[in-house]
PDB file of N, CA and C in Angstrom:
ATOM      1  N   MET A   1       0.786  -1.124  -0.851  1.00  0.00           N
ATOM      2  CA  MET A   1       0.325  -0.208   0.055  1.00  0.00           C
ATOM      3  C   MET A   1       0.548   1.708   0.187  1.00  0.00           C
ATOM      4  N   ILE A   2       0.597   2.129  -0.133  1.00  0.00           N
ATOM      5  CA  ILE A   2       1.450   3.950  -0.912  1.00  0.00           C
ATOM      6  C   ILE A   2       1.006   4.090   0.424  1.00  0.00           C
ATOM      7  N   VAL A   3       2.282   4.537   1.300  1.00  0.00           N
ATOM      8  CA  VAL A   3       2.126   5.646   2.519  1.00  0.00           C
ATOM      9  C   VAL A   3       1.874   6.953   1.617  1.00  0.00           C
ATOM     10  N   CYS A   4       2.837   7.469   1.283  1.00  0.00           N
ATOM     11  CA  CYS A   4       3.210   8.826   0.924  1.00  0.00           C
ATOM     12  C   CYS A   4       3.171   8.556  -0.984  1.00  0.00           C
ATOM     13  N   ILE A   5       2.279   9.721  -0.855  1.00  0.00           N
ATOM     14  CA  ILE A   5       2.170   9.957  -2.190  1.00  0.00           C
ATOM     15  C   ILE A   5       3.064  10.994  -3.185  1.00  0.00           C
ATOM     16  N   CYS A   6       3.057  11.835  -2.099  1.00  0.00           N
ATOM     17  CA  CYS A   6       4.842  12.636  -2.647  1.00  0.00           C
ATOM     18  C   CYS A   6       5.516  11.843  -3.553  1.00  0.00           C
ATOM     19  N   ARG A   7       5.954  11.256  -2.604  1.00  0.00           N
ATOM     20  CA  ARG A   7       7.637  10.017  -3.114  1.00  0.00           C
ATOM     21  C   ARG A   7       7.079   8.798  -3.636  1.00  0.00           C
ATOM     22  N   SER A   8       6.192   8.348  -3.408  1.00  0.00           N
ATOM     23  CA  SER A   8       4.928   7.458  -3.665  1.00  0.00           C
ATOM     24  C   SER A   8       6.301   5.985  -2.808  1.00  0.00           C
ATOM     25  N   VAL A   9       5.807   6.737  -2.201  1.00  0.00           N
ATOM     26  CA  VAL A   9       6.749   5.647  -0.530  1.00  0.00           C
ATOM     27  C   VAL A   9       5.465   4.427  -0.174  1.00  0.00           C
ATOM     28  N   SER A  10       6.310   2.959  -0.352  1.00  0.00           N
ATOM     29  CA  SER A  10       5.076   2.020   0.640  1.00  0.00           C
ATOM     30  C   SER A  10       5.230   2.056   1.758  1.00  0.00           C
ATOM     31  N   ASP A  11       3.834   0.973   2.648  1.00  0.00           N
ATOM     32  CA  ASP A  11       4.415   0.524   3.807  1.00  0.00           C
ATOM     33  C   ASP A  11       5.967  -0.166   3.883  1.00  0.00           C
ATOM     34  N   ARG A  12       5.898  -1.111   2.389  1.00  0.00           N
ATOM     35  CA  ARG A  12       7.315  -1.659   2.806  1.00  0.00           C
ATOM     36  C   ARG A  12       8.206  -1.217   3.216  1.00  0.00           C
ATOM     37  N   VAL A  13       8.480  -0.278   2.292  1.00  0.00           N
ATOM     38  CA  VAL A  13       9.611   0.595   2.950  1.00  0.00           C
ATOM     39  C   VAL A  13       9.826   1.368   3.985  1.00  0.00           C
ATOM     40  N   VAL A  14       8.636   1.545   4.441  1.00  0.00           N
ATOM     41  CA  VAL A  14       8.951   2.337   5.516  1.00  0.00           C
ATOM     42  C   VAL A  14       9.187   1.247   6.713  1.00  0.00           C
ATOM     43  N   ARG A  15       8.559  -0.207   6.529  1.00  0.00           N
ATOM     44  CA  ARG A  15       8.615  -1.163   7.735  1.00  0.00           C
ATOM     45  C   ARG A  15      10.399  -1.178   7.565  1.00  0.00           C
ATOM     46  N   ALA A  16      10.163  -1.317   5.887  1.00  0.00           N
ATOM     47  CA  ALA A  16      12.027  -1.513   5.755  1.00  0.00           C
ATOM     48  C   ALA A  16      13.382  -0.787   6.329  1.00  0.00           C
ATOM     49  N   ALA A  17      12.886   0.766   6.211  1.00  0.00           N
ATOM     50  CA  ALA A  17      14.332   1.416   6.768  1.00  0.00           C
ATOM     51  C   ALA A  17      13.473   1.847   8.547  1.00  0.00           C
ATOM     52  N   ARG A  18      12.523   1.247   8.697  1.00  0.00           N
ATOM     53  CA  ARG A  18      12.451   0.757  10.003  1.00  0.00           C
ATOM     54  C   ARG A  18      12.865  -0.432  10.694  1.00  0.00           C
ATOM     55  N   ALA A  19      13.336  -0.939   9.895  1.00  0.00           N
ATOM     56  CA  ALA A  19      14.370  -2.325   9.947  1.00  0.00           C
ATOM     57  C   ALA A  19      15.678  -2.009   9.845  1.00  0.00           C
ATOM     58  N   ALA A  20      15.818  -1.167   8.978  1.00  0.00           N
ATOM     59  CA  ALA A  20      17.077  -0.433   9.348  1.00  0.00           C
ATOM     60  C   ALA A  20      17.290   0.469  10.463  1.00  0.00           C
ATOM     61  N   GLY A  21      16.703   0.770  10.506  1.00  0.00           N
ATOM     62  CA  GLY A  21      16.963   1.687  11.775  1.00  0.00           C
ATOM     63  C   GLY A  21      16.649   3.056  12.084  1.00  0.00           C
ATOM     64  N   ALA A  22      15.465   3.242  11.487  1.00  0.00           N
ATOM     65  CA  ALA A  22      14.630   4.650  11.390  1.00  0.00           C
ATOM     66  C   ALA A  22      14.070   4.464  12.148  1.00  0.00           C
ATOM     67  N   HIS A  23      13.939   4.447  13.117  1.00  0.00           N
ATOM     68  CA  HIS A  23      13.100   5.007  14.248  1.00  0.00           C
ATOM     69  C   HIS A  23      11.979   6.091  14.223  1.00  0.00           C
ATOM     70  N   THR A  24      12.067   7.126  13.840  1.00  0.00           N
ATOM     71  CA  THR A  24      11.329   8.168  14.615  1.00  0.00           C
ATOM     72  C   THR A  24      11.224   8.898  13.117  1.00  0.00           C
ATOM     73  N   LEU A  25       9.781   9.251  13.162  1.00  0.00           N
ATOM     74  CA  LEU A  25       9.560   9.620  11.301  1.00  0.00           C
ATOM     75  C   LEU A  25      10.596  10.892  11.319  1.00  0.00           C
ATOM     76  N   SER A  26      11.313  11.711  12.243  1.00  0.00           N
ATOM     77  CA  SER A  26      12.646  12.659  10.967  1.00  0.00           C
ATOM     78  C   SER A  26      13.489  11.373  10.099  1.00  0.00           C
ATOM     79  N   ALA A  27      14.203   9.969  10.827  1.00  0.00           N
ATOM     80  CA  ALA A  27      14.658   9.065  10.460  1.00  0.00           C
ATOM     81  C   ALA A  27      14.159   8.718   9.414  1.00  0.00           C
ATOM     82  N   VAL A  28      12.752   7.973   9.542  1.00  0.00           N
ATOM     83  CA  VAL A  28      12.182   7.421   8.031  1.00  0.00           C
ATOM     84  C   VAL A  28      11.936   8.157   6.618  1.00  0.00           C
ATOM     85  N   ALA A  29      11.890   9.980   7.135  1.00  0.00           N
ATOM     86  CA  ALA A  29      12.378  11.329   5.933  1.00  0.00           C
ATOM     87  C   ALA A  29      13.299  11.269   5.989  1.00  0.00           C
ATOM     88  N   ALA A  30      13.928  11.034   6.596  1.00  0.00           N
ATOM     89  CA  ALA A  30      15.757  11.486   5.765  1.00  0.00           C
ATOM     90  C   ALA A  30      15.963   9.360   4.558  1.00  0.00           C
ATOM     91  N   ALA A  31      15.506   8.607   5.339  1.00  0.00           N
ATOM     92  CA  ALA A  31      15.679   7.523   4.536  1.00  0.00           C
ATOM     93  C   ALA A  31      15.078   7.282   3.102  1.00  0.00           C
ATOM     94  N   THR A  32      13.554   7.792   3.046  1.00  0.00           N
ATOM     95  CA  THR A  32      12.832   7.428   2.350  1.00  0.00           C
ATOM     96  C   THR A  32      12.369   8.511   1.866  1.00  0.00           C
ATOM     97  N   GLY A  33      11.764   9.754   2.254  1.00  0.00           N
ATOM     98  CA  GLY A  33      10.870  11.200   1.877  1.00  0.00           C
ATOM     99  C   GLY A  33       9.724  10.690   2.054  1.00  0.00           C
ATOM    100  N   ALA A  34       9.382   9.788   3.313  1.00  0.00           N
ATOM    101  CA  ALA A  34       7.793   9.841   3.522  1.00  0.00           C
ATOM    102  C   ALA A  34       7.979  10.322   4.597  1.00  0.00           C
ATOM    103  N   GLY A  35       6.888  11.628   4.637  1.00  0.00           N
ATOM    104  CA  GLY A  35       6.910  12.524   5.374  1.00  0.00           C
ATOM    105  C   GLY A  35       7.766  13.742   5.462  1.00  0.00           C
ATOM    106  N   GLY A  36       8.284  13.922   4.632  1.00  0.00           N
ATOM    107  CA  GLY A  36       8.908  15.179   4.234  1.00  0.00           C
ATOM    108  C   GLY A  36       8.577  16.200   3.689  1.00  0.00           C
ATOM    109  N   ASP A  37       7.278  16.016   2.986  1.00  0.00           N
ATOM    110  CA  ASP A  37       6.644  17.058   1.364  1.00  0.00           C
ATOM    111  C   ASP A  37       5.779  17.591   2.884  1.00  0.00           C
ATOM    112  N   CYS A  38       4.307  16.860   2.269  1.00  0.00           N
ATOM    113  CA  CYS A  38       3.045  17.766   2.535  1.00  0.00           C
ATOM    114  C   CYS A  38       2.764  17.434   4.141  1.00  0.00           C
ATOM    115  N   GLY A  39       2.831  16.619   4.488  1.00  0.00           N
ATOM    116  CA  GLY A  39       2.883  15.924   5.679  1.00  0.00           C
ATOM    117  C   GLY A  39       1.276  14.711   5.854  1.00  0.00           C
ATOM    118  N   CYS A  40       0.236  14.332   4.720  1.00  0.00           N
ATOM    119  CA  CYS A  40      -0.389  13.809   4.496  1.00  0.00           C
ATOM    120  C   CYS A  40      -0.311  12.657   5.622  1.00  0.00           C
ATOM    121  N   CYS A  41       1.147  12.435   5.314  1.00  0.00           N
ATOM    122  CA  CYS A  41       1.556  10.923   5.219  1.00  0.00           C
ATOM    123  C   CYS A  41       1.933  10.723   7.352  1.00  0.00           C
ATOM    124  N   ARG A  42       2.273  11.327   7.972  1.00  0.00           N
ATOM    125  CA  ARG A  42       2.563  11.418   8.540  1.00  0.00           C
ATOM    126  C   ARG A  42       2.579  10.414   9.603  1.00  0.00           C
ATOM    127  N   THR A  43       0.873  10.184  10.363  1.00  0.00           N
ATOM    128  CA  THR A  43      -0.018   9.580  11.167  1.00  0.00           C
ATOM    129  C   THR A  43       0.345   8.276  10.719  1.00  0.00           C
ATOM    130  N   GLU A  44       0.013   7.847   9.060  1.00  0.00           N
ATOM    131  CA  GLU A  44       0.421   6.257   8.929  1.00  0.00           C
ATOM    132  C   GLU A  44       1.999   6.129   9.234  1.00  0.00           C
ATOM    133  N   VAL A  45       2.666   6.806   8.828  1.00  0.00           N
ATOM    134  CA  VAL A  45       4.341   6.775   9.092  1.00  0.00           C
ATOM    135  C   VAL A  45       3.991   6.104  10.707  1.00  0.00           C
ATOM    136  N   GLU A  46       3.904   7.039  11.290  1.00  0.00           N
ATOM    137  CA  GLU A  46       3.916   7.135  12.485  1.00  0.00           C
ATOM    138  C   GLU A  46       3.270   5.563  13.322  1.00  0.00           C
ATOM    139  N   ARG A  47       1.974   5.646  12.449  1.00  0.00           N
ATOM    140  CA  ARG A  47       1.214   4.188  12.824  1.00  0.00           C
ATOM    141  C   ARG A  47       2.442   3.034  12.325  1.00  0.00           C
ATOM    142  N   ILE A  48       2.891   2.696  11.724  1.00  0.00           N
ATOM    143  CA  ILE A  48       3.686   2.147  11.639  1.00  0.00           C
ATOM    144  C   ILE A  48       4.578   2.090  12.013  1.00  0.00           C
ATOM    145  N   LEU A  49       5.371   2.749  13.045  1.00  0.00           N
ATOM    146  CA  LEU A  49       6.439   3.266  13.508  1.00  0.00           C
ATOM    147  C   LEU A  49       6.085   2.120  15.478  1.00  0.00           C
ATOM    148  N   ALA A  50       4.820   2.671  15.327  1.00  0.00           N
ATOM    149  CA  ALA A  50       4.806   2.149  16.767  1.00  0.00           C
ATOM    150  C   ALA A  50       3.986  -0.218  16.528  1.00  0.00           C
ATOM    151  N   GLU A  51       3.937  -0.115  15.443  1.00  0.00           N
ATOM    152  CA  GLU A  51       3.704  -1.196  15.269  1.00  0.00           C
ATOM    153  C   GLU A  51       4.686  -2.152  15.666  1.00  0.00           C
ATOM    154  N   PRO A  52       4.410  -3.550  16.351  1.00  0.00           N
ATOM    155  CA  PRO A  52       5.695  -4.332  16.638  1.00  0.00           C
ATOM    156  C   PRO A  52       6.168  -5.232  15.270  1.00  0.00           C
ATOM    157  N   CYS A  53       7.304  -4.849  15.770  1.00  0.00           N
ATOM    158  CA  CYS A  53       8.311  -4.930  14.784  1.00  0.00           C
ATOM    159  C   CYS A  53       8.336  -6.683  14.174  1.00  0.00           C
ATOM    160  N   LYS A  54       8.095  -7.646  15.110  1.00  0.00           N
ATOM    161  CA  LYS A  54       7.717  -8.971  14.856  1.00  0.00           C
ATOM    162  C   LYS A  54       6.592  -9.584  15.200  1.00  0.00           C
ATOM    163  N   ALA A  55       6.592 -10.778  15.353  1.00  0.00           N
ATOM    164  CA  ALA A  55       5.242 -11.867  16.312  1.00  0.00           C
ATOM    165  C   ALA A  55       5.736 -11.104  17.531  1.00  0.00           C
ATOM    166  N   GLU A  56       6.799 -12.210  18.349  1.00  0.00           N
ATOM    167  CA  GLU A  56       7.722 -12.523  19.568  1.00  0.00           C
ATOM    168  C   GLU A  56       8.693 -10.958  19.703  1.00  0.00           C
ATOM    169  N   PRO A  57       8.252 -10.195  20.215  1.00  0.00           N
ATOM    170  CA  PRO A  57       9.046  -8.393  20.197  1.00  0.00           C
ATOM    171  C   PRO A  57      10.315  -9.560  20.915  1.00  0.00           C
ATOM    172  N   CYS A  58      11.363  -8.253  20.992  1.00  0.00           N
ATOM    173  CA  CYS A  58      12.498  -8.693  21.822  1.00  0.00           C
ATOM    174  C   CYS A  58      12.151  -8.509  23.720  1.00  0.00           C
ATOM    175  N   PRO A  59      12.815  -8.733  24.207  1.00  0.00           N
ATOM    176  CA  PRO A  59      12.726  -7.839  26.243  1.00  0.00           C
ATOM    177  C   PRO A  59      12.926  -6.421  25.898  1.00  0.00           C
ATOM    178  N   GLY A  60      11.672  -6.134  26.368  1.00  0.00           N
ATOM    179  CA  GLY A  60      12.147  -4.402  26.751  1.00  0.00           C
ATOM    180  C   GLY A  60      11.779  -3.724  25.334  1.00  0.00           C
ATOM    181  N   CYS A  61      10.937  -4.805  24.451  1.00  0.00           N
ATOM    182  CA  CYS A  61      10.945  -3.477  23.087  1.00  0.00           C
ATOM    183  C   CYS A  61       9.885  -2.863  23.466  1.00  0.00           C
ATOM    184  N   PRO A  62       9.781  -1.231  22.721  1.00  0.00           N
ATOM    185  CA  PRO A  62       8.799  -0.485  23.103  1.00  0.00           C
ATOM    186  C   PRO A  62       7.918  -0.525  22.249  1.00  0.00           C
ATOM    187  N   ARG A  63       8.377  -1.728  21.011  1.00  0.00           N
ATOM    188  CA  ARG A  63       6.917  -1.415  19.994  1.00  0.00           C
ATOM    189  C   ARG A  63       6.318  -2.933  20.097  1.00  0.00           C
ATOM    190  N   SER A  64       6.603  -3.913  21.942  1.00  0.00           N
ATOM    191  CA  SER A  64       5.313  -4.301  22.047  1.00  0.00           C
ATOM    192  C   SER A  64       4.238  -4.511  21.651  1.00  0.00           C
ATOM    193  N   ARG A  65       3.278  -6.022  21.823  1.00  0.00           N
ATOM    194  CA  ARG A  65       1.690  -5.539  21.444  1.00  0.00           C
ATOM    195  C   ARG A  65       1.598  -4.637  22.763  1.00  0.00           C
ATOM    196  N   ALA A  66       1.267  -4.456  23.708  1.00  0.00           N
ATOM    197  CA  ALA A  66       1.638  -3.443  24.659  1.00  0.00           C
ATOM    198  C   ALA A  66       1.115  -2.525  24.232  1.00  0.00           C
ATOM    199  N   ALA A  67       2.998  -1.903  24.316  1.00  0.00           N
ATOM    200  CA  ALA A  67       2.741  -0.996  24.117  1.00  0.00           C
ATOM    201  C   ALA A  67       2.731   0.165  22.846  1.00  0.00           C
ATOM    202  N   ALA A  68       2.531  -0.985  21.815  1.00  0.00           N
ATOM    203  CA  ALA A  68       1.410  -0.482  20.465  1.00  0.00           C
ATOM    204  C   ALA A  68       0.176   0.180  20.661  1.00  0.00           C
ATOM    205  N   THR A  69      -0.008   0.598  21.446  1.00  0.00           N
ATOM    206  CA  THR A  69      -0.857   1.323  21.831  1.00  0.00           C
ATOM    207  C   THR A  69      -0.286   2.842  22.665  1.00  0.00           C
ATOM    208  N   VAL A  70       0.376   3.047  22.876  1.00  0.00           N
ATOM    209  CA  VAL A  70       1.160   3.648  23.232  1.00  0.00           C
ATOM    210  C   VAL A  70       1.372   5.315  21.681  1.00  0.00           C
ATOM    211  N   PRO A  71       1.088   6.295  21.773  1.00  0.00           N
ATOM    212  CA  PRO A  71       1.690   6.847  20.665  1.00  0.00           C
ATOM    213  C   PRO A  71       2.974   7.194  20.248  1.00  0.00           C
ATOM    214  N   LEU A  72       3.547   6.706  20.079  1.00  0.00           N
ATOM    215  CA  LEU A  72       5.725   6.690  19.298  1.00  0.00           C
ATOM    216  C   LEU A  72       6.426   8.162  19.997  1.00  0.00           C
ATOM    217  N   ARG A  73       5.803   8.803  20.092  1.00  0.00           N
ATOM    218  CA  ARG A  73       6.547  10.030  20.929  1.00  0.00           C
ATOM    219  C   ARG A  73       6.287   9.820  22.190  1.00  0.00           C
ATOM    220  N   ALA A  74       5.089  10.026  22.848  1.00  0.00           N
ATOM    221  CA  ALA A  74       4.969   8.965  24.350  1.00  0.00           C
ATOM    222  C   ALA A  74       5.771   8.417  24.437  1.00  0.00           C
ATOM    223  N   ALA A  75       5.849   7.045  23.585  1.00  0.00           N
ATOM    224  CA  ALA A  75       6.734   5.776  24.658  1.00  0.00           C
ATOM    225  C   ALA A  75       8.228   6.285  24.237  1.00  0.00           C
ATOM    226  N   ALA A  76       8.406   6.647  23.425  1.00  0.00           N
ATOM    227  CA  ALA A  76       9.762   7.699  22.951  1.00  0.00           C
ATOM    228  C   ALA A  76      10.492   8.592  23.825  1.00  0.00           C
ATOM    229  N   GLY A  77       9.621   9.433  24.542  1.00  0.00           N
ATOM    230  CA  GLY A  77      10.039  10.206  25.280  1.00  0.00           C
ATOM    231  C   GLY A  77       9.700  11.367  25.120  1.00  0.00           C
ATOM    232  N   GLU A  78       9.199  11.751  23.691  1.00  0.00           N
ATOM    233  CA  GLU A  78       8.847  13.235  23.009  1.00  0.00           C
ATOM    234  C   GLU A  78       7.759  13.931  23.643  1.00  0.00           C
ATOM    235  N   HIS A  79       7.800  15.192  23.464  1.00  0.00           N
ATOM    236  CA  HIS A  79       6.417  15.668  23.473  1.00  0.00           C
ATOM    237  C   HIS A  79       6.872  16.704  23.164  1.00  0.00           C
ATOM    238  N   ARG A  80       6.041  17.751  22.592  1.00  0.00           N
ATOM    239  CA  ARG A  80       5.700  18.407  21.552  1.00  0.00           C
ATOM    240  C   ARG A  80       5.453  19.427  22.681  1.00  0.00           C
ATOM    241  N   ALA A  81       5.658  21.212  21.880  1.00  0.00           N
ATOM    242  CA  ALA A  81       5.686  22.062  22.844  1.00  0.00           C
ATOM    243  C   ALA A  81       4.277  22.222  22.317  1.00  0.00           C
ATOM    244  N   PRO A  82       3.114  22.396  24.183  1.00  0.00           N
ATOM    245  CA  PRO A  82       2.087  23.055  23.707  1.00  0.00           C
ATOM    246  C   PRO A  82       1.900  24.448  22.822  1.00  0.00           C
TER     247      PRO A  82
END
């Protein structure tokens, strides 16, 4: 499925970037271009980043099934200014 229309980036490409170490929206944008233009895909990119990486997460993984319900910014300790 295409996630970023501006750059024609699929969910598979975003997941591959995550597997290669891009664990933030800005890192995915740098690696793939997704989320770097109009911003319409940022929510979907963040949702993909919050997914568990695999069925059996590593011990302490912030992307475990329980943690997947927590927004990525909160799980990563990032906060937006009000």
